[in-house]
Structures are given as structure tokens and as C-alpha cells.
PDB file of N, CA and C in Angstrom:
ATOM      1  N   MET A   1       1.092  -1.344   0.394  1.00  0.00           N
ATOM      2  CA  MET A   1      -0.006   0.168   0.238  1.00  0.00           C
ATOM      3  C   MET A   1       1.032   1.481  -0.051  1.00  0.00           C
ATOM      4  N   SER A   2       0.706   2.381  -0.981  1.00  0.00           N
ATOM      5  CA  SER A   2       1.374   3.306  -0.700  1.00  0.00           C
ATOM      6  C   SER A   2       0.619   4.896  -1.088  1.00  0.00           C
ATOM      7  N   TYR A   3       0.544   5.506  -0.156  1.00  0.00           N
ATOM      8  CA  TYR A   3       0.166   6.755  -0.353  1.00  0.00           C
ATOM      9  C   TYR A   3      -0.918   7.741  -1.584  1.00  0.00           C
ATOM     10  N   GLU A   4       0.085   7.122  -2.170  1.00  0.00           N
ATOM     11  CA  GLU A   4      -1.175   7.648  -3.616  1.00  0.00           C
ATOM     12  C   GLU A   4      -2.358   6.927  -3.194  1.00  0.00           C
ATOM     13  N   ASP A   5      -1.546   5.454  -3.178  1.00  0.00           N
ATOM     14  CA  ASP A   5      -3.370   4.074  -2.835  1.00  0.00           C
ATOM     15  C   ASP A   5      -4.250   4.885  -1.742  1.00  0.00           C
ATOM     16  N   ILE A   6      -3.450   5.563  -0.749  1.00  0.00           N
ATOM     17  CA  ILE A   6      -4.763   6.399   0.494  1.00  0.00           C
ATOM     18  C   ILE A   6      -5.880   7.214   0.133  1.00  0.00           C
ATOM     19  N   ASP A   7      -4.411   8.149  -0.950  1.00  0.00           N
ATOM     20  CA  ASP A   7      -5.330   9.223  -1.021  1.00  0.00           C
ATOM     21  C   ASP A   7      -6.234   9.157  -2.178  1.00  0.00           C
ATOM     22  N   GLN A   8      -5.827   8.477  -2.896  1.00  0.00           N
ATOM     23  CA  GLN A   8      -6.880   7.863  -4.103  1.00  0.00           C
ATOM     24  C   GLN A   8      -8.076   7.369  -3.264  1.00  0.00           C
ATOM     25  N   LEU A   9      -7.705   6.303  -2.799  1.00  0.00           N
ATOM     26  CA  LEU A   9      -9.296   5.650  -1.229  1.00  0.00           C
ATOM     27  C   LEU A   9     -10.097   7.226  -0.438  1.00  0.00           C
ATOM     28  N   THR A  10      -8.743   7.795  -0.116  1.00  0.00           N
ATOM     29  CA  THR A  10      -9.142   9.342   0.020  1.00  0.00           C
ATOM     30  C   THR A  10     -10.710  10.096  -0.603  1.00  0.00           C
ATOM     31  N   GLN A  11      -9.740  10.038  -2.124  1.00  0.00           N
ATOM     32  CA  GLN A  11     -10.950  11.361  -2.960  1.00  0.00           C
ATOM     33  C   GLN A  11     -11.728  10.687  -4.064  1.00  0.00           C
ATOM     34  N   ASP A  12     -11.622   9.188  -3.367  1.00  0.00           N
ATOM     35  CA  ASP A  12     -13.166   8.133  -3.956  1.00  0.00           C
ATOM     36  C   ASP A  12     -14.853   8.610  -3.253  1.00  0.00           C
ATOM     37  N   HIS A  13     -15.209   9.343  -4.623  1.00  0.00           N
ATOM     38  CA  HIS A  13     -16.747   9.973  -4.146  1.00  0.00           C
ATOM     39  C   HIS A  13     -17.144   8.865  -3.045  1.00  0.00           C
ATOM     40  N   THR A  14     -17.129   7.187  -3.340  1.00  0.00           N
ATOM     41  CA  THR A  14     -18.422   6.463  -2.691  1.00  0.00           C
ATOM     42  C   THR A  14     -17.857   6.538  -1.676  1.00  0.00           C
ATOM     43  N   PHE A  15     -16.072   6.078  -1.793  1.00  0.00           N
ATOM     44  CA  PHE A  15     -16.406   5.556  -0.481  1.00  0.00           C
ATOM     45  C   PHE A  15     -16.149   6.674   0.613  1.00  0.00           C
ATOM     46  N   GLN A  16     -16.124   7.941   0.533  1.00  0.00           N
ATOM     47  CA  GLN A  16     -16.663   9.159   1.288  1.00  0.00           C
ATOM     48  C   GLN A  16     -18.080   8.784   1.589  1.00  0.00           C
ATOM     49  N   GLY A  17     -18.700   8.239   0.638  1.00  0.00           N
ATOM     50  CA  GLY A  17     -20.198   8.334   0.606  1.00  0.00           C
ATOM     51  C   GLY A  17     -20.745   7.262   1.483  1.00  0.00           C
ATOM     52  N   ARG A  18     -19.636   6.189   1.869  1.00  0.00           N
ATOM     53  CA  ARG A  18     -20.138   5.321   1.746  1.00  0.00           C
ATOM     54  C   ARG A  18     -19.700   5.485   3.757  1.00  0.00           C
ATOM     55  N   VAL A  19     -18.418   6.108   3.997  1.00  0.00           N
ATOM     56  CA  VAL A  19     -18.499   6.459   5.706  1.00  0.00           C
ATOM     57  C   VAL A  19     -18.965   7.220   5.454  1.00  0.00           C
ATOM     58  N   ARG A  20     -18.963   8.606   4.990  1.00  0.00           N
ATOM     59  CA  ARG A  20     -20.657   9.292   5.537  1.00  0.00           C
ATOM     60  C   ARG A  20     -21.730   8.378   6.110  1.00  0.00           C
ATOM     61  N   ALA A  21     -21.948   7.261   5.446  1.00  0.00           N
ATOM     62  CA  ALA A  21     -23.176   7.174   6.381  1.00  0.00           C
ATOM     63  C   ALA A  21     -23.415   6.440   6.837  1.00  0.00           C
ATOM     64  N   CYS A  22     -21.912   5.584   6.550  1.00  0.00           N
ATOM     65  CA  CYS A  22     -21.996   4.661   8.654  1.00  0.00           C
ATOM     66  C   CYS A  22     -21.837   5.595   9.542  1.00  0.00           C
ATOM     67  N   THR A  23     -20.879   6.956   9.119  1.00  0.00           N
ATOM     68  CA  THR A  23     -20.974   8.289  10.476  1.00  0.00           C
ATOM     69  C   THR A  23     -22.563   8.284  11.082  1.00  0.00           C
ATOM     70  N   VAL A  24     -23.205   8.580   9.776  1.00  0.00           N
ATOM     71  CA  VAL A  24     -24.087   8.746  10.180  1.00  0.00           C
ATOM     72  C   VAL A  24     -25.445   7.363  11.275  1.00  0.00           C
ATOM     73  N   GLN A  25     -25.023   6.986  10.489  1.00  0.00           N
ATOM     74  CA  GLN A  25     -26.009   6.092  11.117  1.00  0.00           C
ATOM     75  C   GLN A  25     -25.264   4.983  12.929  1.00  0.00           C
ATOM     76  N   GLU A  26     -24.273   5.699  12.791  1.00  0.00           N
ATOM     77  CA  GLU A  26     -23.687   5.889  14.395  1.00  0.00           C
ATOM     78  C   GLU A  26     -24.098   6.700  15.559  1.00  0.00           C
ATOM     79  N   ALA A  27     -24.173   7.932  14.527  1.00  0.00           N
ATOM     80  CA  ALA A  27     -24.571   9.308  15.510  1.00  0.00           C
ATOM     81  C   ALA A  27     -25.460   8.616  16.282  1.00  0.00           C
ATOM     82  N   GLU A  28     -26.937   8.033  15.780  1.00  0.00           N
ATOM     83  CA  GLU A  28     -27.569   7.443  15.541  1.00  0.00           C
ATOM     84  C   GLU A  28     -27.568   7.182  17.343  1.00  0.00           C
ATOM     85  N   SER A  29     -27.254   6.147  17.147  1.00  0.00           N
ATOM     86  CA  SER A  29     -26.897   5.022  18.649  1.00  0.00           C
ATOM     87  C   SER A  29     -25.953   5.957  19.395  1.00  0.00           C
ATOM     88  N   PHE A  30     -24.795   7.409  19.539  1.00  0.00           N
ATOM     89  CA  PHE A  30     -24.026   7.988  20.120  1.00  0.00           C
ATOM     90  C   PHE A  30     -24.675   9.185  20.957  1.00  0.00           C
ATOM     91  N   ARG A  31     -25.307   9.838  20.471  1.00  0.00           N
ATOM     92  CA  ARG A  31     -26.261  10.706  20.351  1.00  0.00           C
ATOM     93  C   ARG A  31     -26.481  10.270  21.886  1.00  0.00           C
ATOM     94  N   ASN A  32     -27.327   9.538  21.885  1.00  0.00           N
ATOM     95  CA  ASN A  32     -27.417   9.445  23.913  1.00  0.00           C
ATOM     96  C   ASN A  32     -26.967   8.748  24.338  1.00  0.00           C
ATOM     97  N   ASP A  33     -25.152   8.487  24.156  1.00  0.00           N
ATOM     98  CA  ASP A  33     -24.464   7.816  24.844  1.00  0.00           C
ATOM     99  C   ASP A  33     -24.471   8.936  25.986  1.00  0.00           C
ATOM    100  N   ALA A  34     -23.249   8.381  26.653  1.00  0.00           N
ATOM    101  CA  ALA A  34     -23.382   8.806  28.387  1.00  0.00           C
ATOM    102  C   ALA A  34     -21.619  10.225  28.535  1.00  0.00           C
ATOM    103  N   ARG A  35     -20.882  10.322  27.552  1.00  0.00           N
ATOM    104  CA  ARG A  35     -19.653  10.292  27.091  1.00  0.00           C
ATOM    105  C   ARG A  35     -19.800  11.727  26.149  1.00  0.00           C
ATOM    106  N   PRO A  36     -19.824  12.739  27.301  1.00  0.00           N
ATOM    107  CA  PRO A  36     -20.289  14.465  26.152  1.00  0.00           C
ATOM    108  C   PRO A  36     -19.316  14.575  25.370  1.00  0.00           C
ATOM    109  N   LEU A  37     -18.168  14.503  25.037  1.00  0.00           N
ATOM    110  CA  LEU A  37     -17.157  14.200  24.143  1.00  0.00           C
ATOM    111  C   LEU A  37     -17.955  13.294  22.846  1.00  0.00           C
ATOM    112  N   PHE A  38     -18.391  11.967  23.033  1.00  0.00           N
ATOM    113  CA  PHE A  38     -19.102  11.494  21.875  1.00  0.00           C
ATOM    114  C   PHE A  38     -20.510  12.320  21.023  1.00  0.00           C
ATOM    115  N   VAL A  39     -21.381  12.424  22.443  1.00  0.00           N
ATOM    116  CA  VAL A  39     -22.581  13.385  22.252  1.00  0.00           C
ATOM    117  C   VAL A  39     -22.215  13.903  21.253  1.00  0.00           C
ATOM    118  N   ALA A  40     -21.652  15.162  21.157  1.00  0.00           N
ATOM    119  CA  ALA A  40     -20.831  16.508  20.759  1.00  0.00           C
ATOM    120  C   ALA A  40     -20.743  15.636  19.482  1.00  0.00           C
ATOM    121  N   LEU A  41     -20.184  14.717  18.873  1.00  0.00           N
ATOM    122  CA  LEU A  41     -19.510  14.185  17.619  1.00  0.00           C
ATOM    123  C   LEU A  41     -20.790  13.779  16.760  1.00  0.00           C
ATOM    124  N   ALA A  42     -21.506  13.059  17.566  1.00  0.00           N
ATOM    125  CA  ALA A  42     -22.936  12.200  16.967  1.00  0.00           C
ATOM    126  C   ALA A  42     -23.913  13.462  16.683  1.00  0.00           C
ATOM    127  N   GLU A  43     -23.868  14.768  17.424  1.00  0.00           N
ATOM    128  CA  GLU A  43     -24.549  15.883  16.536  1.00  0.00           C
ATOM    129  C   GLU A  43     -24.268  16.136  15.824  1.00  0.00           C
ATOM    130  N   ASP A  44     -22.653  17.000  15.651  1.00  0.00           N
ATOM    131  CA  ASP A  44     -22.063  17.749  14.817  1.00  0.00           C
ATOM    132  C   ASP A  44     -22.828  16.582  12.977  1.00  0.00           C
ATOM    133  N   THR A  45     -22.255  15.282  13.467  1.00  0.00           N
ATOM    134  CA  THR A  45     -21.867  14.156  12.609  1.00  0.00           C
ATOM    135  C   THR A  45     -23.161  14.162  11.937  1.00  0.00           C
ATOM    136  N   LEU A  46     -24.432  13.995  13.131  1.00  0.00           N
ATOM    137  CA  LEU A  46     -25.870  14.265  12.484  1.00  0.00           C
ATOM    138  C   LEU A  46     -26.338  15.310  11.191  1.00  0.00           C
ATOM    139  N   ARG A  47     -25.733  17.005  11.872  1.00  0.00           N
ATOM    140  CA  ARG A  47     -25.530  18.092  11.345  1.00  0.00           C
ATOM    141  C   ARG A  47     -25.173  18.106   9.566  1.00  0.00           C
ATOM    142  N   GLY A  48     -24.081  16.938   9.679  1.00  0.00           N
ATOM    143  CA  GLY A  48     -23.633  17.189   8.365  1.00  0.00           C
ATOM    144  C   GLY A  48     -21.931  16.457   8.541  1.00  0.00           C
ATOM    145  N   GLY A  49     -21.264  17.094   9.508  1.00  0.00           N
ATOM    146  CA  GLY A  49     -20.384  16.444   9.850  1.00  0.00           C
ATOM    147  C   GLY A  49     -18.691  17.635   8.819  1.00  0.00           C
ATOM    148  N   GLY A  50     -19.198  17.425   8.119  1.00  0.00           N
ATOM    149  CA  GLY A  50     -18.075  18.606   7.834  1.00  0.00           C
ATOM    150  C   GLY A  50     -16.474  18.257   7.681  1.00  0.00           C
ATOM    151  N   ALA A  51     -15.377  18.772   8.976  1.00  0.00           N
ATOM    152  CA  ALA A  51     -14.834  18.266   9.335  1.00  0.00           C
ATOM    153  C   ALA A  51     -14.397  17.232  10.008  1.00  0.00           C
ATOM    154  N   THR A  52     -15.089  16.696  10.572  1.00  0.00           N
ATOM    155  CA  THR A  52     -15.093  15.797  11.509  1.00  0.00           C
ATOM    156  C   THR A  52     -15.298  14.116  10.634  1.00  0.00           C
ATOM    157  N   THR A  53     -16.249  14.373   9.818  1.00  0.00           N
ATOM    158  CA  THR A  53     -16.482  13.238   8.706  1.00  0.00           C
ATOM    159  C   THR A  53     -15.843  13.223   7.939  1.00  0.00           C
ATOM    160  N   LEU A  54     -14.950  14.405   6.962  1.00  0.00           N
ATOM    161  CA  LEU A  54     -13.511  13.668   7.092  1.00  0.00           C
ATOM    162  C   LEU A  54     -12.451  12.846   7.545  1.00  0.00           C
ATOM    163  N   ALA A  55     -12.339  13.388   8.924  1.00  0.00           N
ATOM    164  CA  ALA A  55     -11.696  12.669   9.109  1.00  0.00           C
ATOM    165  C   ALA A  55     -11.952  11.110   9.438  1.00  0.00           C
ATOM    166  N   PHE A  56     -12.883  11.212   9.533  1.00  0.00           N
ATOM    167  CA  PHE A  56     -13.151   9.467   9.961  1.00  0.00           C
ATOM    168  C   PHE A  56     -13.136   8.909   7.837  1.00  0.00           C
ATOM    169  N   VAL A  57     -12.869   9.189   7.317  1.00  0.00           N
ATOM    170  CA  VAL A  57     -13.130   9.216   5.340  1.00  0.00           C
ATOM    171  C   VAL A  57     -11.076   9.126   5.299  1.00  0.00           C
ATOM    172  N   ARG A  58      -9.880  10.605   6.019  1.00  0.00           N
ATOM    173  CA  ARG A  58      -8.648  10.371   5.805  1.00  0.00           C
ATOM    174  C   ARG A  58      -8.491   8.818   6.376  1.00  0.00           C
ATOM    175  N   ILE A  59      -8.799   8.197   7.952  1.00  0.00           N
ATOM    176  CA  ILE A  59      -7.994   7.818   8.559  1.00  0.00           C
ATOM    177  C   ILE A  59      -8.481   6.679   8.417  1.00  0.00           C
ATOM    178  N   GLY A  60      -9.495   6.203   7.391  1.00  0.00           N
ATOM    179  CA  GLY A  60     -10.168   5.152   7.281  1.00  0.00           C
ATOM    180  C   GLY A  60      -9.563   4.792   5.810  1.00  0.00           C
ATOM    181  N   ALA A  61      -9.403   5.958   5.412  1.00  0.00           N
ATOM    182  CA  ALA A  61      -8.406   4.860   3.080  1.00  0.00           C
ATOM    183  C   ALA A  61      -7.032   5.091   4.089  1.00  0.00           C
ATOM    184  N   ALA A  62      -6.300   5.709   5.367  1.00  0.00           N
ATOM    185  CA  ALA A  62      -4.995   5.141   5.864  1.00  0.00           C
ATOM    186  C   ALA A  62      -5.080   3.782   6.367  1.00  0.00           C
ATOM    187  N   SER A  63      -6.369   3.138   6.580  1.00  0.00           N
ATOM    188  CA  SER A  63      -6.125   1.950   7.537  1.00  0.00           C
ATOM    189  C   SER A  63      -6.745   0.781   6.870  1.00  0.00           C
ATOM    190  N   MET A  64      -7.198   0.750   5.143  1.00  0.00           N
ATOM    191  CA  MET A  64      -8.431   0.422   4.449  1.00  0.00           C
ATOM    192  C   MET A  64      -7.316   0.115   3.338  1.00  0.00           C
ATOM    193  N   ALA A  65      -6.715   1.239   2.794  1.00  0.00           N
ATOM    194  CA  ALA A  65      -6.242   1.052   1.297  1.00  0.00           C
ATOM    195  C   ALA A  65      -5.795  -0.281   0.992  1.00  0.00           C
ATOM    196  N   GLY A  66      -4.903  -0.932   2.054  1.00  0.00           N
ATOM    197  CA  GLY A  66      -4.629  -2.017   1.541  1.00  0.00           C
ATOM    198  C   GLY A  66      -5.883  -3.958   0.941  1.00  0.00           C
ATOM    199  N   ALA A  67      -6.475  -3.537   1.625  1.00  0.00           N
ATOM    200  CA  ALA A  67      -7.677  -4.163   0.908  1.00  0.00           C
ATOM    201  C   ALA A  67      -8.599  -4.392  -0.198  1.00  0.00           C
ATOM    202  N   ALA A  68      -7.997  -2.332  -0.402  1.00  0.00           N
ATOM    203  CA  ALA A  68      -8.183  -1.609  -1.536  1.00  0.00           C
ATOM    204  C   ALA A  68      -7.700  -1.895  -2.570  1.00  0.00           C
ATOM    205  N   GLN A  69      -6.320  -2.286  -2.739  1.00  0.00           N
ATOM    206  CA  GLN A  69      -5.199  -2.503  -3.707  1.00  0.00           C
ATOM    207  C   GLN A  69      -6.103  -3.020  -5.091  1.00  0.00           C
ATOM    208  N   GLN A  70      -5.927  -3.101  -6.376  1.00  0.00           N
ATOM    209  CA  GLN A  70      -5.721  -3.693  -7.213  1.00  0.00           C
ATOM    210  C   GLN A  70      -4.799  -3.631  -8.190  1.00  0.00           C
ATOM    211  N   PRO A  71      -3.276  -4.790  -7.139  1.00  0.00           N
ATOM    212  CA  PRO A  71      -1.554  -4.706  -8.109  1.00  0.00           C
ATOM    213  C   PRO A  71      -1.239  -4.657  -9.273  1.00  0.00           C
ATOM    214  N   ALA A  72      -2.399  -5.227  -9.956  1.00  0.00           N
ATOM    215  CA  ALA A  72      -2.134  -5.606 -12.054  1.00  0.00           C
ATOM    216  C   ALA A  72      -2.363  -4.319 -11.905  1.00  0.00           C
ATOM    217  N   HIS A  73      -3.323  -3.234 -11.375  1.00  0.00           N
ATOM    218  CA  HIS A  73      -4.263  -2.297 -11.681  1.00  0.00           C
ATOM    219  C   HIS A  73      -3.828  -0.853 -12.176  1.00  0.00           C
ATOM    220  N   ASP A  74      -2.770  -0.721 -11.150  1.00  0.00           N
ATOM    221  CA  ASP A  74      -2.030   0.109  -9.917  1.00  0.00           C
ATOM    222  C   ASP A  74      -2.634   1.196  -9.444  1.00  0.00           C
ATOM    223  N   ALA A  75      -4.111   0.378  -8.770  1.00  0.00           N
ATOM    224  CA  ALA A  75      -5.262   1.269  -8.429  1.00  0.00           C
ATOM    225  C   ALA A  75      -5.655   1.210  -7.088  1.00  0.00           C
ATOM    226  N   VAL A  76      -6.695   1.312  -6.637  1.00  0.00           N
ATOM    227  CA  VAL A  76      -6.896   1.365  -5.301  1.00  0.00           C
ATOM    228  C   VAL A  76      -9.155   1.030  -6.085  1.00  0.00           C
ATOM    229  N   ASP A  77     -10.095  -0.214  -5.324  1.00  0.00           N
ATOM    230  CA  ASP A  77     -11.062  -0.300  -6.245  1.00  0.00           C
ATOM    231  C   ASP A  77     -11.741  -0.614  -4.344  1.00  0.00           C
ATOM    232  N   GLN A  78     -12.843   1.014  -4.285  1.00  0.00           N
ATOM    233  CA  GLN A  78     -13.126   0.944  -3.554  1.00  0.00           C
ATOM    234  C   GLN A  78     -14.184  -0.295  -2.788  1.00  0.00           C
ATOM    235  N   SER A  79     -14.906  -0.318  -3.916  1.00  0.00           N
ATOM    236  CA  SER A  79     -15.503  -2.230  -3.586  1.00  0.00           C
ATOM    237  C   SER A  79     -15.435  -2.880  -3.110  1.00  0.00           C
ATOM    238  N   LEU A  80     -14.040  -3.174  -2.363  1.00  0.00           N
ATOM    239  CA  LEU A  80     -13.053  -4.317  -2.301  1.00  0.00           C
ATOM    240  C   LEU A  80     -12.688  -3.907  -0.966  1.00  0.00           C
ATOM    241  N   ILE A  81     -13.647  -3.404  -0.164  1.00  0.00           N
ATOM    242  CA  ILE A  81     -13.468  -3.027   1.168  1.00  0.00           C
ATOM    243  C   ILE A  81     -15.402  -2.947   1.232  1.00  0.00           C
ATOM    244  N   THR A  82     -15.674  -3.886   2.105  1.00  0.00           N
ATOM    245  CA  THR A  82     -17.325  -4.867   2.936  1.00  0.00           C
ATOM    246  C   THR A  82     -17.501  -3.779   4.080  1.00  0.00           C
ATOM    247  N   ASP A  83     -18.667  -3.488   4.187  1.00  0.00           N
ATOM    248  CA  ASP A  83     -19.604  -2.583   4.857  1.00  0.00           C
ATOM    249  C   ASP A  83     -19.158  -2.421   6.749  1.00  0.00           C
ATOM    250  N   ALA A  84     -19.589  -4.375   6.846  1.00  0.00           N
ATOM    251  CA  ALA A  84     -18.537  -4.637   8.193  1.00  0.00           C
ATOM    252  C   ALA A  84     -16.807  -3.790   8.307  1.00  0.00           C
ATOM    253  N   ALA A  85     -15.642  -3.653   7.459  1.00  0.00           N
ATOM    254  CA  ALA A  85     -15.322  -2.608   7.905  1.00  0.00           C
ATOM    255  C   ALA A  85     -15.088  -1.588   7.834  1.00  0.00           C
ATOM    256  N   ILE A  86     -15.635  -0.599   7.013  1.00  0.00           N
ATOM    257  CA  ILE A  86     -15.582   0.066   7.237  1.00  0.00           C
ATOM    258  C   ILE A  86     -17.149   0.378   8.736  1.00  0.00           C
ATOM    259  N   LEU A  87     -17.819  -0.228   9.434  1.00  0.00           N
ATOM    260  CA  LEU A  87     -18.796  -0.031  10.798  1.00  0.00           C
ATOM    261  C   LEU A  87     -17.398  -0.512  11.632  1.00  0.00           C
ATOM    262  N   ALA A  88     -16.466  -1.235  11.149  1.00  0.00           N
ATOM    263  CA  ALA A  88     -15.666  -1.322  12.533  1.00  0.00           C
ATOM    264  C   ALA A  88     -14.800  -0.340  11.929  1.00  0.00           C
ATOM    265  N   ASN A  89     -13.718  -0.410  11.633  1.00  0.00           N
ATOM    266  CA  ASN A  89     -13.471   1.358  11.388  1.00  0.00           C
ATOM    267  C   ASN A  89     -13.437   2.254  12.189  1.00  0.00           C
ATOM    268  N   VAL A  90     -15.179   3.150  11.889  1.00  0.00           N
ATOM    269  CA  VAL A  90     -15.713   3.789  12.614  1.00  0.00           C
ATOM    270  C   VAL A  90     -15.940   3.654  13.642  1.00  0.00           C
ATOM    271  N   GLN A  91     -16.277   3.211  14.447  1.00  0.00           N
ATOM    272  CA  GLN A  91     -16.425   2.499  15.861  1.00  0.00           C
ATOM    273  C   GLN A  91     -14.734   2.404  16.368  1.00  0.00           C
ATOM    274  N   ALA A  92     -13.685   1.890  16.103  1.00  0.00           N
ATOM    275  CA  ALA A  92     -12.806   1.893  17.130  1.00  0.00           C
ATOM    276  C   ALA A  92     -12.432   3.186  16.211  1.00  0.00           C
ATOM    277  N   ASN A  93     -12.639   3.920  15.406  1.00  0.00           N
ATOM    278  CA  ASN A  93     -12.272   5.494  15.572  1.00  0.00           C
ATOM    279  C   ASN A  93     -12.666   6.956  16.435  1.00  0.00           C
ATOM    280  N   TRP A  94     -14.502   5.488  16.655  1.00  0.00           N
ATOM    281  CA  TRP A  94     -14.642   7.550  17.196  1.00  0.00           C
ATOM    282  C   TRP A  94     -14.806   7.643  18.251  1.00  0.00           C
ATOM    283  N   GLU A  95     -13.871   7.180  19.594  1.00  0.00           N
ATOM    284  CA  GLU A  95     -13.306   8.054  20.302  1.00  0.00           C
ATOM    285  C   GLU A  95     -12.319   8.477  19.830  1.00  0.00           C
ATOM    286  N   VAL A  96     -11.083   8.681  18.715  1.00  0.00           N
ATOM    287  CA  VAL A  96     -10.291   8.991  18.184  1.00  0.00           C
ATOM    288  C   VAL A  96     -10.687  10.542  17.886  1.00  0.00           C
ATOM    289  N   VAL A  97     -11.736  10.275  16.943  1.00  0.00           N
ATOM    290  CA  VAL A  97     -12.036  11.644  15.741  1.00  0.00           C
ATOM    291  C   VAL A  97     -12.482  12.679  16.824  1.00  0.00           C
ATOM    292  N   ALA A  98     -13.600  12.211  18.176  1.00  0.00           N
ATOM    293  CA  ALA A  98     -14.011  13.087  19.067  1.00  0.00           C
ATOM    294  C   ALA A  98     -13.275  13.305  19.927  1.00  0.00           C
ATOM    295  N   GLY A  99     -12.198  12.888  19.895  1.00  0.00           N
ATOM    296  CA  GLY A  99     -10.920  13.665  20.947  1.00  0.00           C
ATOM    297  C   GLY A  99     -10.123  15.225  19.810  1.00  0.00           C
ATOM    298  N   LEU A 100     -10.346  14.864  19.009  1.00  0.00           N
ATOM    299  CA  LEU A 100      -9.563  15.446  18.029  1.00  0.00           C
ATOM    300  C   LEU A 100     -10.536  17.160  17.760  1.00  0.00           C
ATOM    301  N   PHE A 101     -11.614  17.096  18.201  1.00  0.00           N
ATOM    302  CA  PHE A 101     -12.825  18.158  17.463  1.00  0.00           C
ATOM    303  C   PHE A 101     -13.518  18.775  18.921  1.00  0.00           C
ATOM    304  N   TYR A 102     -13.651  17.193  20.123  1.00  0.00           N
ATOM    305  CA  TYR A 102     -14.287  17.677  21.065  1.00  0.00           C
ATOM    306  C   TYR A 102     -13.150  18.247  23.146  1.00  0.00           C
ATOM    307  N   ASP A 103     -13.712  18.747  24.056  1.00  0.00           N
ATOM    308  CA  ASP A 103     -12.663  18.181  25.077  1.00  0.00           C
ATOM    309  C   ASP A 103     -14.464  17.040  26.181  1.00  0.00           C
ATOM    310  N   ASP A 104     -13.068  16.461  27.181  1.00  0.00           N
ATOM    311  CA  ASP A 104     -14.178  15.588  27.347  1.00  0.00           C
ATOM    312  C   ASP A 104     -15.788  16.257  27.715  1.00  0.00           C
ATOM    313  N   ALA A 105     -15.766  17.791  28.144  1.00  0.00           N
ATOM    314  CA  ALA A 105     -17.293  17.630  28.525  1.00  0.00           C
ATOM    315  C   ALA A 105     -18.221  18.369  27.211  1.00  0.00           C
ATOM    316  N   GLY A 106     -17.358  17.653  26.181  1.00  0.00           N
ATOM    317  CA  GLY A 106     -18.501  18.212  25.006  1.00  0.00           C
ATOM    318  C   GLY A 106     -17.990  19.401  24.453  1.00  0.00           C
ATOM    319  N   ALA A 107     -16.631  20.329  24.432  1.00  0.00           N
ATOM    320  CA  ALA A 107     -17.192  21.736  24.571  1.00  0.00           C
ATOM    321  C   ALA A 107     -16.107  21.385  23.311  1.00  0.00           C
ATOM    322  N   ALA A 108     -15.956  22.201  21.650  1.00  0.00           N
ATOM    323  CA  ALA A 108     -14.724  22.220  20.913  1.00  0.00           C
ATOM    324  C   ALA A 108     -14.165  22.688  20.960  1.00  0.00           C
ATOM    325  N   LEU A 109     -12.840  22.260  20.310  1.00  0.00           N
ATOM    326  CA  LEU A 109     -11.646  21.974  20.894  1.00  0.00           C
ATOM    327  C   LEU A 109     -10.751  23.904  19.418  1.00  0.00           C
ATOM    328  N   PRO A 110     -10.021  24.198  20.256  1.00  0.00           N
ATOM    329  CA  PRO A 110     -10.256  25.803  19.546  1.00  0.00           C
ATOM    330  C   PRO A 110      -8.950  25.054  18.261  1.00  0.00           C
TER     331      PRO A 110
END
């Protein structure tokens, strides 16, 4: 997996949409979480996400690009990544992304 592969996956509109759909679905669960920073991220995601959703896309692309590789074509194919893999990645990184944008009380970081 190369940095070019990661970038290609990050820029893939279908991959972006799949990750966005997953984050919205997960936000429905996390918006009632006991942790304020998880709730803040969930509410942001449900309002449209923007930077937070892009963070999930970038982190996901970096960790899943290897699964999307097509060495014979020198390209990546996002369809080789399962929905289950995207879900697991979003769930595993919810706390990471929340911590990049919000403090423990759920206030936006500068």
C-alpha cells in the first residue's frame, strides 16, 4: 500500500459516501451516549459533519487502502472494502475523532 493508494481512496466519492452513511448511522446510537464528547461528535455528524466526517474518511482510507489495492491495475477499488470493515473502522475511531474536535465535556476544541 502506498501513500498514493491512500490518497486515491480518500478522494473516491463512493468511499466518502459510504463512510459518511456509516458515521450518520453510528451517530444515531452515540447521540444518547453518557460521554459528552461522543454526543458532541454525534450531533455534529447529524448536522452534516464536514471536518469530522472527513477525518473518518482520511483515517479509514489510511487503514483500509491495503484491502482496496488492485496491483495489476495500479489503482484502488473501494468496492473491495466491505461495509463491515467500514463499520468496524468508524466504531474503533469514534473516540479518536471525538478527541480531535471536542474536550471531555463536549466543548469544541480551538
